[in-house]
C-alpha cells in the first residue's frame, strides 16, 4: 500500500469510527382534539371535529387509515345500503366514482358495498387531507395517557428509532380497534354483552357476559344448545333474529 493509500484508509477509518446514529427526537403538539387511532370511527370523528373548526390530530401506528374496515382482506360494509347520508355517504360516493357506479360494488353476496383495501385507504386519506385543521401522523404507537386528576389531557407515543410524540389536547378520543387507551387512562369499561335489564333491549342476553365477537357468541350458543342447532343459529343470524 502506498503512503497516500494508507493515509486515505486511516482517514476513512477515523471518519467511520466517529459516525453516530441519529439522536432520537421528541415532537410536541398542542391540539383541541387528539384522536388515538386512524380507524374508521377515528378518521370520521377527526374529520367531523376539523370541520367544526377544531385543531385535530390523528395518531395511527400503521401506514393506513380506516382500521379493520379498510385493512381486512375483503372489505365489505354490513348494512347501511339505504343510508345516503353523512361521512358514510361521502365515502361510498367516492367508492362508486372509483369503480364506476353502485352496481360495480356489489361483487359478492355478503354486501352491496365491497372494495379493495388500498382504495378505501386512499379515500380516507383524501378526505382527511382536504381538511386544513386536521393533521395525520403515522408510525407512532401509544405509550402513555396523560391525566390531570380525572381528566385526560393528552398522550405520549413512540416509534422505531426512539422518536417520541407528546400531545396535549383538550379532548382525547380512543378510537383504537381494541380500546388501547382505556386501561392506560384508568377509565371504567366493560367487555362483552350488556344484560337485558341494563339496556332494555329485548334481544339482549338475560345476564351480562364477556363474549366479544360473533365467533365467540356462536361457539357459546352451540355449546349451550347443541351442535345440531348450529344451522338454525346461522340462518337466524342472517335474518337478523340474533343479536
C-alpha atoms as a PDB file:
ATOM      1  CA  UNK A   1       0.000   0.000   0.000  1.00  0.00           C
ATOM      2  CA  UNK A   2       1.327   3.432  -0.931  1.00  0.00           C
ATOM      3  CA  UNK A   3       1.671   6.196   1.633  1.00  0.00           C
ATOM      4  CA  UNK A   4      -1.279   8.061   0.086  1.00  0.00           C
ATOM      5  CA  UNK A   5      -3.399   4.911   0.129  1.00  0.00           C
ATOM      6  CA  UNK A   6      -2.515   4.280   3.761  1.00  0.00           C
ATOM      7  CA  UNK A   7      -3.418   7.860   4.745  1.00  0.00           C
ATOM      8  CA  UNK A   8      -6.754   7.685   2.900  1.00  0.00           C
ATOM      9  CA  UNK A   9      -7.542   4.380   4.591  1.00  0.00           C
ATOM     10  CA  UNK A  10      -6.702   5.809   8.017  1.00  0.00           C
ATOM     11  CA  UNK A  11      -8.815   8.912   7.451  1.00  0.00           C
ATOM     12  CA  UNK A  12     -11.784   6.795   6.274  1.00  0.00           C
ATOM     13  CA  UNK A  13     -11.498   4.534   9.311  1.00  0.00           C
ATOM     14  CA  UNK A  14     -11.461   7.518  11.653  1.00  0.00           C
ATOM     15  CA  UNK A  15     -14.470   9.044   9.897  1.00  0.00           C
ATOM     16  CA  UNK A  16     -16.481   5.817  10.129  1.00  0.00           C
ATOM     17  CA  UNK A  17     -15.475   5.382  13.749  1.00  0.00           C
ATOM     18  CA  UNK A  18     -16.904   8.777  14.634  1.00  0.00           C
ATOM     19  CA  UNK A  19     -20.272   8.267  12.897  1.00  0.00           C
ATOM     20  CA  UNK A  20     -23.025   8.040  15.495  1.00  0.00           C
ATOM     21  CA  UNK A  21     -26.661   7.039  14.978  1.00  0.00           C
ATOM     22  CA  UNK A  22     -29.099   9.891  14.638  1.00  0.00           C
ATOM     23  CA  UNK A  23     -30.245  11.131  18.012  1.00  0.00           C
ATOM     24  CA  UNK A  24     -33.847  10.386  18.905  1.00  0.00           C
ATOM     25  CA  UNK A  25     -36.064  13.454  18.899  1.00  0.00           C
ATOM     26  CA  UNK A  26     -39.254  14.463  20.652  1.00  0.00           C
ATOM     27  CA  UNK A  27     -42.076  16.140  18.742  1.00  0.00           C
ATOM     28  CA  UNK A  28     -44.662  18.111  20.688  1.00  0.00           C
ATOM     29  CA  UNK A  29     -48.146  19.060  19.572  1.00  0.00           C
ATOM     30  CA  UNK A  30     -50.935  21.005  21.261  1.00  0.00           C
ATOM     31  CA  UNK A  31     -54.377  20.468  19.734  1.00  0.00           C
ATOM     32  CA  UNK A  32     -58.062  20.761  20.526  1.00  0.00           C
ATOM     33  CA  UNK A  33     -58.817  17.127  19.690  1.00  0.00           C
ATOM     34  CA  UNK A  34     -56.444  14.168  19.769  1.00  0.00           C
ATOM     35  CA  UNK A  35     -57.726  11.016  18.076  1.00  0.00           C
ATOM     36  CA  UNK A  36     -55.772   7.908  19.020  1.00  0.00           C
ATOM     37  CA  UNK A  37     -56.167   5.514  16.117  1.00  0.00           C
ATOM     38  CA  UNK A  38     -56.934   6.191  12.469  1.00  0.00           C
ATOM     39  CA  UNK A  39     -59.734   3.629  12.363  1.00  0.00           C
ATOM     40  CA  UNK A  40     -62.986   4.237  10.513  1.00  0.00           C
ATOM     41  CA  UNK A  41     -64.536   5.764  13.620  1.00  0.00           C
ATOM     42  CA  UNK A  42     -61.362   7.695  14.438  1.00  0.00           C
ATOM     43  CA  UNK A  43     -60.976   9.127  10.952  1.00  0.00           C
ATOM     44  CA  UNK A  44     -64.670  10.058  10.862  1.00  0.00           C
ATOM     45  CA  UNK A  45     -64.525  11.712  14.282  1.00  0.00           C
ATOM     46  CA  UNK A  46     -61.403  13.638  13.321  1.00  0.00           C
ATOM     47  CA  UNK A  47     -62.893  14.890  10.054  1.00  0.00           C
ATOM     48  CA  UNK A  48     -66.062  15.958  11.864  1.00  0.00           C
ATOM     49  CA  UNK A  49     -64.064  17.784  14.535  1.00  0.00           C
ATOM     50  CA  UNK A  50     -61.873  19.535  11.975  1.00  0.00           C
ATOM     51  CA  UNK A  51     -64.934  20.677  10.034  1.00  0.00           C
ATOM     52  CA  UNK A  52     -66.212  22.255  13.236  1.00  0.00           C
ATOM     53  CA  UNK A  53     -63.018  24.296  13.407  1.00  0.00           C
ATOM     54  CA  UNK A  54     -61.123  22.232  15.997  1.00  0.00           C
ATOM     55  CA  UNK A  55     -57.389  21.732  15.570  1.00  0.00           C
ATOM     56  CA  UNK A  56     -57.333  17.951  15.295  1.00  0.00           C
ATOM     57  CA  UNK A  57     -54.620  15.298  15.210  1.00  0.00           C
ATOM     58  CA  UNK A  58     -54.890  11.597  14.313  1.00  0.00           C
ATOM     59  CA  UNK A  59     -52.066   9.360  15.522  1.00  0.00           C
ATOM     60  CA  UNK A  60     -52.078   5.963  13.808  1.00  0.00           C
ATOM     61  CA  UNK A  61     -49.431   3.220  14.215  1.00  0.00           C
ATOM     62  CA  UNK A  62     -49.974   1.649  10.769  1.00  0.00           C
ATOM     63  CA  UNK A  63     -49.456   3.170   7.311  1.00  0.00           C
ATOM     64  CA  UNK A  64     -53.220   3.001   6.601  1.00  0.00           C
ATOM     65  CA  UNK A  65     -56.405   4.807   7.555  1.00  0.00           C
ATOM     66  CA  UNK A  66     -59.702   3.042   8.162  1.00  0.00           C
ATOM     67  CA  UNK A  67     -58.673   0.358  10.630  1.00  0.00           C
ATOM     68  CA  UNK A  68     -60.136  -3.114  10.171  1.00  0.00           C
ATOM     69  CA  UNK A  69     -62.768  -1.721   7.804  1.00  0.00           C
ATOM     70  CA  UNK A  70     -60.173  -0.883   5.152  1.00  0.00           C
ATOM     71  CA  UNK A  71     -57.385  -3.303   6.070  1.00  0.00           C
ATOM     72  CA  UNK A  72     -59.337  -6.580   6.090  1.00  0.00           C
ATOM     73  CA  UNK A  73     -58.710  -8.918   3.185  1.00  0.00           C
ATOM     74  CA  UNK A  74     -62.167  -8.443   1.639  1.00  0.00           C
ATOM     75  CA  UNK A  75     -63.539  -5.116   2.903  1.00  0.00           C
ATOM     76  CA  UNK A  76     -67.323  -5.128   2.978  1.00  0.00           C
ATOM     77  CA  UNK A  77     -69.857  -2.772   4.523  1.00  0.00           C
ATOM     78  CA  UNK A  78     -72.526  -4.546   6.579  1.00  0.00           C
ATOM     79  CA  UNK A  79     -75.841  -2.767   6.128  1.00  0.00           C
ATOM     80  CA  UNK A  80     -76.388   0.955   5.525  1.00  0.00           C
ATOM     81  CA  UNK A  81     -77.136   0.302   1.866  1.00  0.00           C
ATOM     82  CA  UNK A  82     -80.145   2.636   2.033  1.00  0.00           C
ATOM     83  CA  UNK A  83     -78.438   5.294   4.141  1.00  0.00           C
ATOM     84  CA  UNK A  84     -77.295   8.048   1.745  1.00  0.00           C
ATOM     85  CA  UNK A  85     -76.062  10.486   4.366  1.00  0.00           C
ATOM     86  CA  UNK A  86     -73.106  11.761   6.343  1.00  0.00           C
ATOM     87  CA  UNK A  87     -69.462  10.774   6.047  1.00  0.00           C
ATOM     88  CA  UNK A  88     -70.535   7.239   5.160  1.00  0.00           C
ATOM     89  CA  UNK A  89     -72.207   8.545   2.000  1.00  0.00           C
ATOM     90  CA  UNK A  90     -69.179  10.683   1.126  1.00  0.00           C
ATOM     91  CA  UNK A  91     -67.006   7.597   1.403  1.00  0.00           C
ATOM     92  CA  UNK A  92     -69.413   5.415  -0.585  1.00  0.00           C
ATOM     93  CA  UNK A  93     -69.826   8.014  -3.345  1.00  0.00           C
ATOM     94  CA  UNK A  94     -66.041   8.114  -3.688  1.00  0.00           C
ATOM     95  CA  UNK A  95     -66.038   4.318  -3.979  1.00  0.00           C
ATOM     96  CA  UNK A  96     -68.725   4.445  -6.663  1.00  0.00           C
ATOM     97  CA  UNK A  97     -66.808   7.101  -8.557  1.00  0.00           C
ATOM     98  CA  UNK A  98     -63.669   4.968  -8.432  1.00  0.00           C
ATOM     99  CA  UNK A  99     -65.259   1.702  -9.531  1.00  0.00           C
ATOM    100  CA  UNK A 100     -67.869   3.079 -11.931  1.00  0.00           C
ATOM    101  CA  UNK A 101     -71.208   3.048 -10.124  1.00  0.00           C
ATOM    102  CA  UNK A 102     -73.156   1.344  -7.357  1.00  0.00           C
ATOM    103  CA  UNK A 103     -73.532  -1.921  -9.261  1.00  0.00           C
ATOM    104  CA  UNK A 104     -69.774  -2.249  -9.563  1.00  0.00           C
ATOM    105  CA  UNK A 105     -69.508  -2.509  -5.756  1.00  0.00           C
ATOM    106  CA  UNK A 106     -71.982  -5.390  -5.407  1.00  0.00           C
ATOM    107  CA  UNK A 107     -69.489  -8.099  -6.293  1.00  0.00           C
ATOM    108  CA  UNK A 108     -70.398 -10.657  -3.598  1.00  0.00           C
ATOM    109  CA  UNK A 109     -73.350 -11.992  -1.642  1.00  0.00           C
ATOM    110  CA  UNK A 110     -72.092 -10.694   1.699  1.00  0.00           C
ATOM    111  CA  UNK A 111     -72.611  -6.991   0.974  1.00  0.00           C
ATOM    112  CA  UNK A 112     -73.786  -4.409  -1.539  1.00  0.00           C
ATOM    113  CA  UNK A 113     -70.570  -2.463  -0.983  1.00  0.00           C
ATOM    114  CA  UNK A 114     -67.303  -4.340  -1.453  1.00  0.00           C
ATOM    115  CA  UNK A 115     -63.946  -2.776  -2.275  1.00  0.00           C
ATOM    116  CA  UNK A 116     -60.168  -3.172  -2.138  1.00  0.00           C
ATOM    117  CA  UNK A 117     -58.154  -2.167   0.956  1.00  0.00           C
ATOM    118  CA  UNK A 118     -55.895   0.292  -0.860  1.00  0.00           C
ATOM    119  CA  UNK A 119     -58.875   2.058  -2.402  1.00  0.00           C
ATOM    120  CA  UNK A 120     -60.549   2.577   0.972  1.00  0.00           C
ATOM    121  CA  UNK A 121     -57.261   3.820   2.427  1.00  0.00           C
ATOM    122  CA  UNK A 122     -56.765   6.278  -0.432  1.00  0.00           C
ATOM    123  CA  UNK A 123     -60.298   7.663   0.009  1.00  0.00           C
ATOM    124  CA  UNK A 124     -59.884   8.140   3.758  1.00  0.00           C
ATOM    125  CA  UNK A 125     -56.531   9.822   3.151  1.00  0.00           C
ATOM    126  CA  UNK A 126     -58.038  12.192   0.584  1.00  0.00           C
ATOM    127  CA  UNK A 127     -60.928  13.083   2.898  1.00  0.00           C
ATOM    128  CA  UNK A 128     -58.501  13.803   5.738  1.00  0.00           C
ATOM    129  CA  UNK A 129     -56.110  15.795   3.545  1.00  0.00           C
ATOM    130  CA  UNK A 130     -58.969  18.030   2.438  1.00  0.00           C
ATOM    131  CA  UNK A 131     -59.362  19.364   5.989  1.00  0.00           C
ATOM    132  CA  UNK A 132     -56.869  22.156   6.789  1.00  0.00           C
ATOM    133  CA  UNK A 133     -57.471  21.757  10.548  1.00  0.00           C
ATOM    134  CA  UNK A 134     -56.619  18.048  10.507  1.00  0.00           C
ATOM    135  CA  UNK A 135     -53.144  16.503  10.729  1.00  0.00           C
ATOM    136  CA  UNK A 136     -52.400  12.766  10.468  1.00  0.00           C
ATOM    137  CA  UNK A 137     -49.212  11.188  11.830  1.00  0.00           C
ATOM    138  CA  UNK A 138     -48.414   7.553  11.055  1.00  0.00           C
ATOM    139  CA  UNK A 139     -45.977   5.135  12.653  1.00  0.00           C
ATOM    140  CA  UNK A 140     -46.427   6.104  16.307  1.00  0.00           C
ATOM    141  CA  UNK A 141     -47.508   3.617  18.985  1.00  0.00           C
ATOM    142  CA  UNK A 142     -49.324   4.703  22.144  1.00  0.00           C
ATOM    143  CA  UNK A 143     -47.095   4.570  25.244  1.00  0.00           C
ATOM    144  CA  UNK A 144     -48.860   6.565  27.912  1.00  0.00           C
ATOM    145  CA  UNK A 145     -52.002   8.581  28.591  1.00  0.00           C
ATOM    146  CA  UNK A 146     -51.561  11.871  30.442  1.00  0.00           C
ATOM    147  CA  UNK A 147     -54.064  12.885  33.105  1.00  0.00           C
ATOM    148  CA  UNK A 148     -54.711  15.768  35.461  1.00  0.00           C
ATOM    149  CA  UNK A 149     -56.948  14.453  38.195  1.00  0.00           C
ATOM    150  CA  UNK A 150     -59.722  12.552  36.441  1.00  0.00           C
ATOM    151  CA  UNK A 151     -59.268  14.464  33.193  1.00  0.00           C
ATOM    152  CA  UNK A 152     -57.270  13.055  30.267  1.00  0.00           C
ATOM    153  CA  UNK A 153     -55.009  15.799  28.920  1.00  0.00           C
ATOM    154  CA  UNK A 154     -53.185  14.026  26.110  1.00  0.00           C
ATOM    155  CA  UNK A 155     -50.882  11.118  25.368  1.00  0.00           C
ATOM    156  CA  UNK A 156     -47.348  10.062  24.545  1.00  0.00           C
ATOM    157  CA  UNK A 157     -46.337   7.934  21.566  1.00  0.00           C
ATOM    158  CA  UNK A 158     -43.117   6.419  20.241  1.00  0.00           C
ATOM    159  CA  UNK A 159     -41.863   4.865  17.027  1.00  0.00           C
ATOM    160  CA  UNK A 160     -38.941   2.781  15.839  1.00  0.00           C
ATOM    161  CA  UNK A 161     -35.680   4.628  16.258  1.00  0.00           C
ATOM    162  CA  UNK A 162     -36.698   6.067  19.600  1.00  0.00           C
ATOM    163  CA  UNK A 163     -38.526   9.184  18.409  1.00  0.00           C
ATOM    164  CA  UNK A 164     -41.313  10.361  20.703  1.00  0.00           C
ATOM    165  CA  UNK A 165     -44.501  12.301  20.144  1.00  0.00           C
ATOM    166  CA  UNK A 166     -46.082  14.156  23.063  1.00  0.00           C
ATOM    167  CA  UNK A 167     -49.543  15.589  22.557  1.00  0.00           C
ATOM    168  CA  UNK A 168     -51.538  17.923  24.778  1.00  0.00           C
ATOM    169  CA  UNK A 169     -55.247  18.025  23.975  1.00  0.00           C
ATOM    170  CA  UNK A 170     -58.495  19.437  25.330  1.00  0.00           C
ATOM    171  CA  UNK A 171     -60.331  16.297  24.168  1.00  0.00           C
ATOM    172  CA  UNK A 172     -58.796  12.861  23.670  1.00  0.00           C
ATOM    173  CA  UNK A 173     -60.653  10.181  21.712  1.00  0.00           C
ATOM    174  CA  UNK A 174     -59.726   6.498  22.000  1.00  0.00           C
ATOM    175  CA  UNK A 175     -60.558   5.262  18.504  1.00  0.00           C
ATOM    176  CA  UNK A 176     -58.258   2.234  18.522  1.00  0.00           C
ATOM    177  CA  UNK A 177     -59.755  -1.059  17.379  1.00  0.00           C
ATOM    178  CA  UNK A 178     -59.205  -2.607  20.814  1.00  0.00           C
ATOM    179  CA  UNK A 179     -59.570   0.338  23.192  1.00  0.00           C
ATOM    180  CA  UNK A 180     -55.840   0.598  23.902  1.00  0.00           C
ATOM    181  CA  UNK A 181     -56.090   3.881  25.814  1.00  0.00           C
ATOM    182  CA  UNK A 182     -58.879   2.845  28.178  1.00  0.00           C
ATOM    183  CA  UNK A 183     -56.791   0.818  30.661  1.00  0.00           C
ATOM    184  CA  UNK A 184     -53.947   3.341  30.434  1.00  0.00           C
ATOM    185  CA  UNK A 185     -56.287   6.161  31.434  1.00  0.00           C
ATOM    186  CA  UNK A 186     -57.986   4.257  34.230  1.00  0.00           C
ATOM    187  CA  UNK A 187     -61.363   4.803  32.554  1.00  0.00           C
ATOM    188  CA  UNK A 188     -64.007   2.282  33.687  1.00  0.00           C
ATOM    189  CA  UNK A 189     -65.129  -0.016  30.864  1.00  0.00           C
ATOM    190  CA  UNK A 190     -66.808  -3.332  30.254  1.00  0.00           C
ATOM    191  CA  UNK A 191     -66.150  -6.004  27.645  1.00  0.00           C
ATOM    192  CA  UNK A 192     -68.901  -8.170  26.232  1.00  0.00           C
ATOM    193  CA  UNK A 193     -72.671  -8.044  26.082  1.00  0.00           C
ATOM    194  CA  UNK A 194     -74.835  -5.982  28.434  1.00  0.00           C
ATOM    195  CA  UNK A 195     -77.624  -7.605  30.404  1.00  0.00           C
ATOM    196  CA  UNK A 196     -81.195  -7.130  29.245  1.00  0.00           C
ATOM    197  CA  UNK A 197     -82.048  -5.279  32.452  1.00  0.00           C
ATOM    198  CA  UNK A 198     -79.231  -2.762  31.818  1.00  0.00           C
ATOM    199  CA  UNK A 199     -80.280  -1.767  28.296  1.00  0.00           C
ATOM    200  CA  UNK A 200     -83.948  -2.683  27.997  1.00  0.00           C
ATOM    201  CA  UNK A 201     -83.192  -4.486  24.719  1.00  0.00           C
ATOM    202  CA  UNK A 202     -85.462  -7.491  24.219  1.00  0.00           C
ATOM    203  CA  UNK A 203     -82.794  -9.442  22.307  1.00  0.00           C
ATOM    204  CA  UNK A 204     -80.031  -8.806  24.843  1.00  0.00           C
ATOM    205  CA  UNK A 205     -78.937 -11.782  26.991  1.00  0.00           C
ATOM    206  CA  UNK A 206     -80.581 -12.185  30.380  1.00  0.00           C
ATOM    207  CA  UNK A 207     -77.186 -11.783  32.062  1.00  0.00           C
ATOM    208  CA  UNK A 208     -74.095  -9.834  31.049  1.00  0.00           C
ATOM    209  CA  UNK A 209     -71.169 -11.829  29.660  1.00  0.00           C
ATOM    210  CA  UNK A 210     -67.669 -11.278  28.296  1.00  0.00           C
ATOM    211  CA  UNK A 211     -68.304 -12.502  24.762  1.00  0.00           C
ATOM    212  CA  UNK A 212     -66.581 -10.092  22.391  1.00  0.00           C
ATOM    213  CA  UNK A 213     -67.386 -11.277  18.877  1.00  0.00           C
ATOM    214  CA  UNK A 214     -69.662 -13.234  16.574  1.00  0.00           C
ATOM    215  CA  UNK A 215     -67.469 -16.342  16.648  1.00  0.00           C
ATOM    216  CA  UNK A 216     -67.393 -16.444  20.448  1.00  0.00           C
ATOM    217  CA  UNK A 217     -71.148 -15.864  20.536  1.00  0.00           C
ATOM    218  CA  UNK A 218     -71.688 -18.710  18.067  1.00  0.00           C
ATOM    219  CA  UNK A 219     -69.492 -21.151  19.985  1.00  0.00           C
ATOM    220  CA  UNK A 220     -71.110 -20.256  23.301  1.00  0.00           C
ATOM    221  CA  UNK A 221     -74.598 -20.656  21.854  1.00  0.00           C
ATOM    222  CA  UNK A 222     -73.798 -24.019  20.231  1.00  0.00           C
ATOM    223  CA  UNK A 223     -72.196 -25.230  23.462  1.00  0.00           C
ATOM    224  CA  UNK A 224     -75.389 -24.416  25.364  1.00  0.00           C
ATOM    225  CA  UNK A 225     -77.939 -25.572  22.779  1.00  0.00           C
ATOM    226  CA  UNK A 226     -76.199 -28.408  20.948  1.00  0.00           C
ATOM    227  CA  UNK A 227     -74.331 -28.657  17.662  1.00  0.00           C
ATOM    228  CA  UNK A 228     -77.455 -29.935  15.885  1.00  0.00           C
ATOM    229  CA  UNK A 229     -78.898 -26.413  16.123  1.00  0.00           C
ATOM    230  CA  UNK A 230     -75.876 -24.669  14.571  1.00  0.00           C
ATOM    231  CA  UNK A 231     -77.555 -24.349  11.159  1.00  0.00           C
ATOM    232  CA  UNK A 232     -80.607 -22.697  12.743  1.00  0.00           C
ATOM    233  CA  UNK A 233     -78.296 -20.232  14.500  1.00  0.00           C
ATOM    234  CA  UNK A 234     -76.570 -19.200  11.278  1.00  0.00           C
ATOM    235  CA  UNK A 235     -79.864 -18.830   9.414  1.00  0.00           C
ATOM    236  CA  UNK A 236     -81.286 -16.748  12.269  1.00  0.00           C
ATOM    237  CA  UNK A 237     -78.184 -14.562  12.356  1.00  0.00           C
ATOM    238  CA  UNK A 238     -78.511 -13.846   8.636  1.00  0.00           C
ATOM    239  CA  UNK A 239     -82.174 -12.985   9.128  1.00  0.00           C
ATOM    240  CA  UNK A 240     -81.389 -10.608  11.983  1.00  0.00           C
ATOM    241  CA  UNK A 241     -83.134 -12.668  14.662  1.00  0.00           C
ATOM    242  CA  UNK A 242     -79.951 -12.988  16.773  1.00  0.00           C
ATOM    243  CA  UNK A 243     -78.009 -10.138  18.407  1.00  0.00           C
END
